[in-house]
Amino acid sequence: MLDSTAEPGRRSALAVTAAAGLSLLTACAGTADSDAAPRGAPPPHTPGTPGSRTSSPAPEPARKRPQLPRGGRELFPRHRLVGYCGLPGAAALGRLGTGDLDQRAREIEKLAQTYAADREPLPVLELLAVVANSGAGPDGTYRTRTSADTVRRFHEAARKHRALLLLNIQPGRASALGEVKALREWLVHPDVGVALDPEWEMGPGEKPGDSYGSTDGGELTEIARYLSGLVREHDLPEKAFVFHQVAASVVEDQQAFRPQPGVAAIKCADGIGAPGLKRGTWNDLVRNLPGGMHTGFKLFYDEDTEGSRLMTHKEVLALRPQPEYVMYE
């Protein structure tokens, strides 16, 4: 079960930290065709029957379909995802938000290799793109959107290191699906997915940090259905959709979730504490998983080691079912 004595500090730190900026990236226009022949140049020679004025055009090469960062179009069972989460300038929110970004990406690469086992490692940068706040803000949503410049920088880093970028959403009182849709310009890329943190999804009259928020199987299905539409429209590879769960109450009516084509839904258990306590939370949260749902496991460098120690990669891989996404905060 959840270690309730360890959680308030993390929740308080999260609730009072906001991302900088409100803007979102606007899609860039395409480039002009520069291959046209100069005026007055003779028509290009095309092979054909002697004396013939026309010939069949050469077949166009097949368009290469978008791939995942390290190849292929399906995440599982080929890959195991391993990464850090965080937000620049907010050390309390995870290691990804501290130090040099390239150095962090190299650390994730090494970490991912230790978890590979019989799979190919796929590094992950999980950036907090929407952060819950303790204050309502000008629009009353208790959330702030991370600036487009920051998202762009992390996307560039993910591409440089052939990693997957996950955009983490802490909705506050905003609509979770609405926040996903607001990130559409990023989500049309083949190397960008979504991570929902429903612990911070608050109902009317609720404030982040005062109590746990929640989602349900129906809302998770709506988000997966929207992502499936993007996959279909843009011929994208399988899209990662992670939802974090720190306690059973955070996801209601889980059995109502319906898998969607082209979307890999991953339930990430976020229990905090000593190894034995985390294993107990894991067993509670993965019991009776809906069909087609994958599993993830989160470790905390600070909270898990208060009076105890961090679980080893061998201990994590010994969990059943074996986590397909391992994330460190």
Foldseek 3Di string as FASTA:
>chain_A
DFDVVLPLVLLVLQAADAADDADADDDDDDDDDPPDDDPPDDDDDDDDDPPDPDDDDDDDDDDDFAAQLVGDQECPPAEFEEEWEDEAPRVSGTDCNDDDNLVRLVVQVVVQVVLQVVHHYAYEYEYAQKTAYQDLPPVRFRIGGHHNVRVVVVVVSCNVSSHAYEHEHLGRQHQPLVVVVSNVSVLLHQRYAYEYELQNHDHPPDGRSPGGGADEQVSVQVNQQVSLVSCVVNVHGQHEYEYEDAAPRRYYHNQSHDHDPSYAYEYEHEHAEAPVRQLVSVVVVPPPHHPRHAYEYEWECPRHPPVHDTDDSVSQCPRPVRHSYYYYD
